[in-house]
Amino acid sequence: MDRSLGQGHGYFDECRFADFIVGPSNREAFQACVQVSEQPGTLRNPLLIACDRTGDGATLLTGATGNAIAARNPLAKIFMLSGEQFAIEMVRCVEKGGLQDFRNKYRECDALLIDGIQFLLGKPQAITELSEIIRRLVASGRQVVVNCCDYEGDEGKYFSTQLQQMLGESTTVRIGPSDLDLRRKKLRQLANQDQVILSEETIEILASTYTRGIREVQGAFYRARAFVSLSGGSMDLNSAAAVLTAPFSR
């Protein structure tokens, strides 16, 4: 499988459905992505994963979908990249006179997954190129999955129009803001994976303090773990988490 990686090189390699915490705010999106991975190009194509904000799992779910498709068909030519990298790559190809090669590269793949398509807002040439790529892929029964965050006001209305231009008749599923229970479950999962002890009290404090998404609470867990390492063993994970949630540390 070919993976064209944008921000966070190699991140998509680590994306698995097993790491995605499912709850009421994201269950439909999760089920849609599993379905797409099992029957790419036949149902829900193109698939748009919409979210209210960054950090609640759209990147993980997009990457997990691509990896699951690859696991079922190791010979498939799959591209997973960010909206930013798509735009940058296109500009470089235009400058070097290689636009047709760029077009052929993506038009001939078996599946295309783009993370953060909102980056293309205000970039008409990139939108035009991607629209044609998506149209051709969908028409030939090849899967397209994209995710994006919502925009409010006039900018949001403008972007919705551009999205419709790019995706046509897409299936849209939504990831809502993570609730307290989802954040608790993510912390338990992280502790289990790292084989460390995290008390329920610490889980409650972290999940209640870091409320801006799964990514934020995951980052808090990793910082607490780093504190333990830097302390030379004089601090356990629960003590480190207490430091992180103190008023002066945020």
C-alpha atoms as a PDB file:
ATOM      1  CA  MET A   1       0.000   0.000   0.000  1.00  0.00           C
ATOM      2  CA  ASP A   2       1.179   3.493  -0.802  1.00  0.00           C
ATOM      3  CA  ARG A   3       0.755   6.011   1.979  1.00  0.00           C
ATOM      4  CA  SER A   4       1.413   9.667   1.267  1.00  0.00           C
ATOM      5  CA  LEU A   5       1.791  11.166   4.719  1.00  0.00           C
ATOM      6  CA  GLY A   6       1.311  14.805   5.606  1.00  0.00           C
ATOM      7  CA  GLN A   7       1.412  16.307   9.075  1.00  0.00           C
ATOM      8  CA  GLY A   8       2.718  13.878  11.686  1.00  0.00           C
ATOM      9  CA  HIS A   9       4.782  11.557   9.472  1.00  0.00           C
ATOM     10  CA  GLY A  10       3.884   7.923  10.054  1.00  0.00           C
ATOM     11  CA  TYR A  11       0.825   8.703  12.152  1.00  0.00           C
ATOM     12  CA  PHE A  12      -1.572   6.885   9.841  1.00  0.00           C
ATOM     13  CA  ASP A  13       0.412   3.658  10.284  1.00  0.00           C
ATOM     14  CA  GLU A  14      -0.694   3.558  13.922  1.00  0.00           C
ATOM     15  CA  CYS A  15      -4.416   4.110  13.301  1.00  0.00           C
ATOM     16  CA  ARG A  16      -6.616   1.149  14.190  1.00  0.00           C
ATOM     17  CA  PHE A  17     -10.336   0.757  14.826  1.00  0.00           C
ATOM     18  CA  ALA A  18      -9.459  -0.942  18.128  1.00  0.00           C
ATOM     19  CA  ASP A  19      -8.027   2.333  19.444  1.00  0.00           C
ATOM     20  CA  PHE A  20     -11.163   4.344  18.664  1.00  0.00           C
ATOM     21  CA  ILE A  21     -13.406   4.795  21.702  1.00  0.00           C
ATOM     22  CA  VAL A  22     -17.035   4.464  20.597  1.00  0.00           C
ATOM     23  CA  GLY A  23     -19.907   6.357  22.214  1.00  0.00           C
ATOM     24  CA  PRO A  24     -23.179   8.096  21.342  1.00  0.00           C
ATOM     25  CA  SER A  25     -21.383  11.071  19.768  1.00  0.00           C
ATOM     26  CA  ASN A  26     -19.452   9.022  17.222  1.00  0.00           C
ATOM     27  CA  ARG A  27     -21.097   5.620  16.867  1.00  0.00           C
ATOM     28  CA  GLU A  28     -22.650   6.303  13.450  1.00  0.00           C
ATOM     29  CA  ALA A  29     -19.330   7.535  12.065  1.00  0.00           C
ATOM     30  CA  PHE A  30     -17.503   4.492  13.435  1.00  0.00           C
ATOM     31  CA  GLN A  31     -20.021   2.050  11.995  1.00  0.00           C
ATOM     32  CA  ALA A  32     -19.929   3.788   8.603  1.00  0.00           C
ATOM     33  CA  CYS A  33     -16.141   3.574   8.447  1.00  0.00           C
ATOM     34  CA  VAL A  34     -16.119  -0.113   9.374  1.00  0.00           C
ATOM     35  CA  GLN A  35     -18.693  -0.746   6.660  1.00  0.00           C
ATOM     36  CA  VAL A  36     -16.638   1.171   4.113  1.00  0.00           C
ATOM     37  CA  SER A  37     -13.497  -0.775   5.028  1.00  0.00           C
ATOM     38  CA  GLU A  38     -15.328  -4.060   4.488  1.00  0.00           C
ATOM     39  CA  GLN A  39     -16.960  -3.058   1.198  1.00  0.00           C
ATOM     40  CA  PRO A  40     -14.937  -0.177  -0.283  1.00  0.00           C
ATOM     41  CA  GLY A  41     -16.431   1.626  -3.238  1.00  0.00           C
ATOM     42  CA  THR A  42     -19.864   0.032  -2.955  1.00  0.00           C
ATOM     43  CA  LEU A  43     -21.650   1.882  -0.161  1.00  0.00           C
ATOM     44  CA  ARG A  44     -21.298   5.370   1.339  1.00  0.00           C
ATOM     45  CA  ASN A  45     -19.041   6.667  -1.399  1.00  0.00           C
ATOM     46  CA  PRO A  46     -17.737   9.269  -1.029  1.00  0.00           C
ATOM     47  CA  LEU A  47     -17.883   9.314   2.771  1.00  0.00           C
ATOM     48  CA  LEU A  48     -17.585  12.629   4.607  1.00  0.00           C
ATOM     49  CA  ILE A  49     -16.754  12.541   8.320  1.00  0.00           C
ATOM     50  CA  ALA A  50     -17.815  15.909   9.752  1.00  0.00           C
ATOM     51  CA  CYS A  51     -16.810  17.077  13.206  1.00  0.00           C
ATOM     52  CA  ASP A  52     -17.479  20.104  15.384  1.00  0.00           C
ATOM     53  CA  ARG A  53     -13.824  20.545  16.330  1.00  0.00           C
ATOM     54  CA  THR A  54     -10.419  18.925  15.985  1.00  0.00           C
ATOM     55  CA  GLY A  55      -9.173  16.366  18.480  1.00  0.00           C
ATOM     56  CA  ASP A  56     -12.135  14.001  18.765  1.00  0.00           C
ATOM     57  CA  GLY A  57     -10.943  11.188  16.528  1.00  0.00           C
ATOM     58  CA  ALA A  58     -11.644  12.052  12.881  1.00  0.00           C
ATOM     59  CA  THR A  59      -7.996  11.552  11.906  1.00  0.00           C
ATOM     60  CA  LEU A  60      -7.801   8.246  13.766  1.00  0.00           C
ATOM     61  CA  LEU A  61     -11.018   6.998  12.178  1.00  0.00           C
ATOM     62  CA  THR A  62      -9.929   8.045   8.688  1.00  0.00           C
ATOM     63  CA  GLY A  63      -6.548   6.363   9.052  1.00  0.00           C
ATOM     64  CA  ALA A  64      -8.064   3.231  10.577  1.00  0.00           C
ATOM     65  CA  THR A  65     -10.394   2.935   7.587  1.00  0.00           C
ATOM     66  CA  GLY A  66      -7.500   3.073   5.156  1.00  0.00           C
ATOM     67  CA  ASN A  67      -5.474   0.539   7.120  1.00  0.00           C
ATOM     68  CA  ALA A  68      -8.424  -1.837   7.342  1.00  0.00           C
ATOM     69  CA  ILE A  69      -8.936  -1.626   3.563  1.00  0.00           C
ATOM     70  CA  ALA A  70      -5.242  -2.398   3.094  1.00  0.00           C
ATOM     71  CA  ALA A  71      -5.403  -5.357   5.476  1.00  0.00           C
ATOM     72  CA  ARG A  72      -8.188  -6.890   3.396  1.00  0.00           C
ATOM     73  CA  ASN A  73      -6.444  -6.130   0.106  1.00  0.00           C
ATOM     74  CA  PRO A  74      -2.658  -5.802   0.518  1.00  0.00           C
ATOM     75  CA  LEU A  75      -2.225  -5.104  -3.196  1.00  0.00           C
ATOM     76  CA  ALA A  76      -4.544  -2.097  -3.156  1.00  0.00           C
ATOM     77  CA  LYS A  77      -3.024   1.271  -4.032  1.00  0.00           C
ATOM     78  CA  ILE A  78      -4.196   3.517  -1.209  1.00  0.00           C
ATOM     79  CA  PHE A  79      -3.292   7.127  -0.505  1.00  0.00           C
ATOM     80  CA  MET A  80      -3.838   8.680   2.933  1.00  0.00           C
ATOM     81  CA  LEU A  81      -2.754  12.285   3.364  1.00  0.00           C
ATOM     82  CA  SER A  82      -3.747  15.622   4.837  1.00  0.00           C
ATOM     83  CA  GLY A  83      -5.584  18.325   2.935  1.00  0.00           C
ATOM     84  CA  GLU A  84      -2.530  20.490   3.458  1.00  0.00           C
ATOM     85  CA  GLN A  85      -0.214  18.001   1.784  1.00  0.00           C
ATOM     86  CA  PHE A  86      -2.601  17.563  -1.130  1.00  0.00           C
ATOM     87  CA  ALA A  87      -2.506  21.330  -1.772  1.00  0.00           C
ATOM     88  CA  ILE A  88       1.283  21.584  -1.333  1.00  0.00           C
ATOM     89  CA  GLU A  89       1.951  18.634  -3.627  1.00  0.00           C
ATOM     90  CA  MET A  90      -0.346  20.060  -6.289  1.00  0.00           C
ATOM     91  CA  VAL A  91       1.371  23.470  -6.204  1.00  0.00           C
ATOM     92  CA  ARG A  92       4.814  21.881  -6.517  1.00  0.00           C
ATOM     93  CA  CYS A  93       3.670  19.795  -9.473  1.00  0.00           C
ATOM     94  CA  VAL A  94       2.227  22.868 -11.188  1.00  0.00           C
ATOM     95  CA  GLU A  95       5.514  24.726 -10.692  1.00  0.00           C
ATOM     96  CA  LYS A  96       7.487  21.830 -12.188  1.00  0.00           C
ATOM     97  CA  GLY A  97       5.091  21.273 -15.069  1.00  0.00           C
ATOM     98  CA  GLY A  98       3.982  17.927 -13.693  1.00  0.00           C
ATOM     99  CA  LEU A  99       0.284  18.564 -13.095  1.00  0.00           C
ATOM    100  CA  GLN A 100      -0.815  15.697 -15.332  1.00  0.00           C
ATOM    101  CA  ASP A 101       1.389  13.264 -13.411  1.00  0.00           C
ATOM    102  CA  PHE A 102      -0.206  14.536 -10.192  1.00  0.00           C
ATOM    103  CA  ARG A 103      -3.668  13.974 -11.648  1.00  0.00           C
ATOM    104  CA  ASN A 104      -2.843  10.478 -12.851  1.00  0.00           C
ATOM    105  CA  LYS A 105      -1.335   9.491  -9.497  1.00  0.00           C
ATOM    106  CA  TYR A 106      -4.548  10.096  -7.582  1.00  0.00           C
ATOM    107  CA  ARG A 107      -7.025   9.229 -10.323  1.00  0.00           C
ATOM    108  CA  GLU A 108      -5.560   5.739 -10.613  1.00  0.00           C
ATOM    109  CA  CYS A 109      -5.540   4.773  -6.921  1.00  0.00           C
ATOM    110  CA  ASP A 110      -7.931   2.255  -5.346  1.00  0.00           C
ATOM    111  CA  ALA A 111      -8.819   4.414  -2.350  1.00  0.00           C
ATOM    112  CA  LEU A 112      -8.171   8.026  -1.361  1.00  0.00           C
ATOM    113  CA  LEU A 113      -8.468   9.239   2.231  1.00  0.00           C
ATOM    114  CA  ILE A 114      -7.903  12.897   3.109  1.00  0.00           C
ATOM    115  CA  ASP A 115      -7.593  14.256   6.630  1.00  0.00           C
ATOM    116  CA  GLY A 116      -8.620  17.859   7.266  1.00  0.00           C
ATOM    117  CA  ILE A 117     -10.116  18.795   3.932  1.00  0.00           C
ATOM    118  CA  GLN A 118     -11.031  22.198   5.374  1.00  0.00           C
ATOM    119  CA  PHE A 119      -7.449  23.260   4.643  1.00  0.00           C
ATOM    120  CA  LEU A 120      -8.499  23.628   1.001  1.00  0.00           C
ATOM    121  CA  LEU A 121     -10.874  26.466   1.882  1.00  0.00           C
ATOM    122  CA  GLY A 122     -10.005  29.412  -0.350  1.00  0.00           C
ATOM    123  CA  LYS A 123      -7.787  27.366  -2.682  1.00  0.00           C
ATOM    124  CA  PRO A 124      -9.911  27.124  -5.853  1.00  0.00           C
ATOM    125  CA  GLN A 125      -7.406  25.251  -8.019  1.00  0.00           C
ATOM    126  CA  ALA A 126      -6.892  22.562  -5.393  1.00  0.00           C
ATOM    127  CA  ILE A 127     -10.656  22.233  -4.995  1.00  0.00           C
ATOM    128  CA  THR A 128     -11.119  21.929  -8.747  1.00  0.00           C
ATOM    129  CA  GLU A 129      -8.442  19.248  -9.051  1.00  0.00           C
ATOM    130  CA  LEU A 130      -9.732  17.267  -6.079  1.00  0.00           C
ATOM    131  CA  SER A 131     -13.319  17.504  -7.340  1.00  0.00           C
ATOM    132  CA  GLU A 132     -12.340  15.889 -10.623  1.00  0.00           C
ATOM    133  CA  ILE A 133     -10.252  13.218  -8.885  1.00  0.00           C
ATOM    134  CA  ILE A 134     -13.132  12.330  -6.573  1.00  0.00           C
ATOM    135  CA  ARG A 135     -15.634  12.292  -9.438  1.00  0.00           C
ATOM    136  CA  ARG A 136     -13.514   9.833 -11.411  1.00  0.00           C
ATOM    137  CA  LEU A 137     -12.758   7.583  -8.444  1.00  0.00           C
ATOM    138  CA  VAL A 138     -16.393   7.330  -7.344  1.00  0.00           C
ATOM    139  CA  ALA A 139     -17.589   6.741 -10.913  1.00  0.00           C
ATOM    140  CA  SER A 140     -15.199   3.790 -11.208  1.00  0.00           C
ATOM    141  CA  GLY A 141     -16.213   2.290  -7.856  1.00  0.00           C
ATOM    142  CA  ARG A 142     -13.147   3.299  -5.860  1.00  0.00           C
ATOM    143  CA  GLN A 143     -13.486   4.566  -2.313  1.00  0.00           C
ATOM    144  CA  VAL A 144     -13.069   8.167  -1.137  1.00  0.00           C
ATOM    145  CA  VAL A 145     -13.128   9.165   2.546  1.00  0.00           C
ATOM    146  CA  VAL A 146     -12.539  12.712   3.755  1.00  0.00           C
ATOM    147  CA  ASN A 147     -12.965  14.469   7.076  1.00  0.00           C
ATOM    148  CA  CYS A 148     -13.439  18.128   7.916  1.00  0.00           C
ATOM    149  CA  CYS A 149     -14.260  20.469  10.770  1.00  0.00           C
ATOM    150  CA  ASP A 150     -17.230  22.792  10.659  1.00  0.00           C
ATOM    151  CA  TYR A 151     -16.945  26.506  10.037  1.00  0.00           C
ATOM    152  CA  GLU A 152     -19.459  29.027  11.319  1.00  0.00           C
ATOM    153  CA  GLY A 153     -21.018  32.098   9.710  1.00  0.00           C
ATOM    154  CA  ASP A 154     -20.453  33.184   6.115  1.00  0.00           C
ATOM    155  CA  GLU A 155     -17.199  31.245   5.894  1.00  0.00           C
ATOM    156  CA  GLY A 156     -19.064  28.101   6.846  1.00  0.00           C
ATOM    157  CA  LYS A 157     -21.719  28.629   4.183  1.00  0.00           C
ATOM    158  CA  TYR A 158     -19.017  29.221   1.573  1.00  0.00           C
ATOM    159  CA  PHE A 159     -17.123  26.100   2.571  1.00  0.00           C
ATOM    160  CA  SER A 160     -20.298  23.997   2.528  1.00  0.00           C
ATOM    161  CA  THR A 161     -20.791  25.040  -1.085  1.00  0.00           C
ATOM    162  CA  GLN A 162     -17.212  24.072  -1.917  1.00  0.00           C
ATOM    163  CA  LEU A 163     -17.612  20.724  -0.156  1.00  0.00           C
ATOM    164  CA  GLN A 164     -20.694  19.955  -2.203  1.00  0.00           C
ATOM    165  CA  GLN A 165     -18.747  20.852  -5.339  1.00  0.00           C
ATOM    166  CA  MET A 166     -15.974  18.442  -4.368  1.00  0.00           C
ATOM    167  CA  LEU A 167     -18.030  15.532  -3.052  1.00  0.00           C
ATOM    168  CA  GLY A 168     -21.307  15.649  -4.936  1.00  0.00           C
ATOM    169  CA  GLU A 169     -23.857  13.257  -3.428  1.00  0.00           C
ATOM    170  CA  SER A 170     -21.822  12.135  -0.424  1.00  0.00           C
ATOM    171  CA  THR A 171     -22.820  10.287   2.722  1.00  0.00           C
ATOM    172  CA  THR A 172     -22.145  12.460   5.764  1.00  0.00           C
ATOM    173  CA  VAL A 173     -21.601  11.092   9.259  1.00  0.00           C
ATOM    174  CA  ARG A 174     -20.758  13.212  12.267  1.00  0.00           C
ATOM    175  CA  ILE A 175     -18.387  13.012  15.213  1.00  0.00           C
ATOM    176  CA  GLY A 176     -19.719  15.137  18.058  1.00  0.00           C
ATOM    177  CA  PRO A 177     -17.709  16.516  20.987  1.00  0.00           C
ATOM    178  CA  SER A 178     -16.439  13.792  23.308  1.00  0.00           C
ATOM    179  CA  ASP A 179     -18.329  13.587  26.585  1.00  0.00           C
ATOM    180  CA  LEU A 180     -16.927  12.855  30.035  1.00  0.00           C
ATOM    181  CA  ASP A 181     -17.525   9.125  29.742  1.00  0.00           C
ATOM    182  CA  LEU A 182     -15.626   8.883  26.445  1.00  0.00           C
ATOM    183  CA  ARG A 183     -12.663  10.702  27.948  1.00  0.00           C
ATOM    184  CA  ARG A 184     -12.695   8.362  30.963  1.00  0.00           C
ATOM    185  CA  LYS A 185     -12.710   5.320  28.666  1.00  0.00           C
ATOM    186  CA  LYS A 186      -9.814   6.706  26.633  1.00  0.00           C
ATOM    187  CA  LEU A 187      -7.708   7.169  29.773  1.00  0.00           C
ATOM    188  CA  ARG A 188      -8.459   3.609  30.912  1.00  0.00           C
ATOM    189  CA  GLN A 189      -7.479   2.337  27.474  1.00  0.00           C
ATOM    190  CA  LEU A 190      -4.180   4.267  27.539  1.00  0.00           C
ATOM    191  CA  ALA A 191      -3.342   3.003  31.019  1.00  0.00           C
ATOM    192  CA  ASN A 192      -4.105  -0.567  29.982  1.00  0.00           C
ATOM    193  CA  GLN A 193      -1.986  -0.307  26.837  1.00  0.00           C
ATOM    194  CA  ASP A 194       0.942   1.090  28.818  1.00  0.00           C
ATOM    195  CA  GLN A 195       0.365  -1.367  31.660  1.00  0.00           C
ATOM    196  CA  VAL A 196       0.354   1.374  34.275  1.00  0.00           C
ATOM    197  CA  ILE A 197      -1.912   1.983  37.251  1.00  0.00           C
ATOM    198  CA  LEU A 198      -4.195   4.972  36.969  1.00  0.00           C
ATOM    199  CA  SER A 199      -6.668   5.388  39.815  1.00  0.00           C
ATOM    200  CA  GLU A 200     -10.325   6.115  39.142  1.00  0.00           C
ATOM    201  CA  GLU A 201      -9.894   9.368  41.032  1.00  0.00           C
ATOM    202  CA  THR A 202      -7.081  10.429  38.705  1.00  0.00           C
ATOM    203  CA  ILE A 203      -9.090   9.378  35.666  1.00  0.00           C
ATOM    204  CA  GLU A 204     -11.999  11.510  36.872  1.00  0.00           C
ATOM    205  CA  ILE A 205      -9.769  14.533  37.490  1.00  0.00           C
ATOM    206  CA  LEU A 206      -8.034  14.313  34.092  1.00  0.00           C
ATOM    207  CA  ALA A 207     -11.262  13.661  32.177  1.00  0.00           C
ATOM    208  CA  SER A 208     -12.993  16.583  33.907  1.00  0.00           C
ATOM    209  CA  THR A 209     -10.069  18.977  33.500  1.00  0.00           C
ATOM    210  CA  TYR A 210      -9.151  18.361  29.883  1.00  0.00           C
ATOM    211  CA  THR A 211     -12.430  18.784  28.060  1.00  0.00           C
ATOM    212  CA  ARG A 212     -11.424  19.896  24.579  1.00  0.00           C
ATOM    213  CA  GLY A 213     -11.376  16.469  23.051  1.00  0.00           C
ATOM    214  CA  ILE A 214      -9.849  13.015  23.118  1.00  0.00           C
ATOM    215  CA  ARG A 215      -6.554  14.313  21.763  1.00  0.00           C
ATOM    216  CA  GLU A 216      -6.190  16.771  24.639  1.00  0.00           C
ATOM    217  CA  VAL A 217      -6.842  14.208  27.354  1.00  0.00           C
ATOM    218  CA  GLN A 218      -4.498  11.770  25.613  1.00  0.00           C
ATOM    219  CA  GLY A 219      -1.819  14.470  25.565  1.00  0.00           C
ATOM    220  CA  ALA A 220      -2.322  15.029  29.298  1.00  0.00           C
ATOM    221  CA  PHE A 221      -1.783  11.307  29.923  1.00  0.00           C
ATOM    222  CA  TYR A 222       1.466  11.301  27.948  1.00  0.00           C
ATOM    223  CA  ARG A 223       2.732  14.416  29.747  1.00  0.00           C
ATOM    224  CA  ALA A 224       2.009  12.770  33.107  1.00  0.00           C
ATOM    225  CA  ARG A 225       3.921   9.731  31.959  1.00  0.00           C
ATOM    226  CA  ALA A 226       6.846  11.969  30.933  1.00  0.00           C
ATOM    227  CA  PHE A 227       6.798  13.588  34.398  1.00  0.00           C
ATOM    228  CA  VAL A 228       7.176  10.151  35.969  1.00  0.00           C
ATOM    229  CA  SER A 229      10.173   9.400  33.774  1.00  0.00           C
ATOM    230  CA  LEU A 230      11.823  12.746  34.528  1.00  0.00           C
ATOM    231  CA  SER A 231      11.274  12.314  38.255  1.00  0.00           C
ATOM    232  CA  GLY A 232      13.530   9.289  38.303  1.00  0.00           C
ATOM    233  CA  GLY A 233      10.880   7.188  40.002  1.00  0.00           C
ATOM    234  CA  SER A 234      10.121   9.610  42.829  1.00  0.00           C
ATOM    235  CA  MET A 235       6.668  10.302  41.374  1.00  0.00           C
ATOM    236  CA  ASP A 236       4.009   7.833  40.241  1.00  0.00           C
ATOM    237  CA  LEU A 237       1.542   8.446  37.415  1.00  0.00           C
ATOM    238  CA  ASN A 238      -1.256   9.582  39.713  1.00  0.00           C
ATOM    239  CA  SER A 239       0.985  12.153  41.404  1.00  0.00           C
ATOM    240  CA  ALA A 240       2.161  13.421  38.027  1.00  0.00           C
ATOM    241  CA  ALA A 241      -1.440  13.775  36.856  1.00  0.00           C
ATOM    242  CA  ALA A 242      -2.209  15.808  39.975  1.00  0.00           C
ATOM    243  CA  VAL A 243       0.593  18.210  39.027  1.00  0.00           C
ATOM    244  CA  LEU A 244      -0.831  18.562  35.526  1.00  0.00           C
ATOM    245  CA  THR A 245      -4.294  19.443  36.777  1.00  0.00           C
ATOM    246  CA  ALA A 246      -3.084  22.011  39.334  1.00  0.00           C
ATOM    247  CA  PRO A 247      -4.200  25.582  38.417  1.00  0.00           C
ATOM    248  CA  PHE A 248      -0.659  26.829  37.794  1.00  0.00           C
ATOM    249  CA  SER A 249       0.132  24.062  35.296  1.00  0.00           C
ATOM    250  CA  ARG A 250      -2.592  24.848  32.760  1.00  0.00           C
END
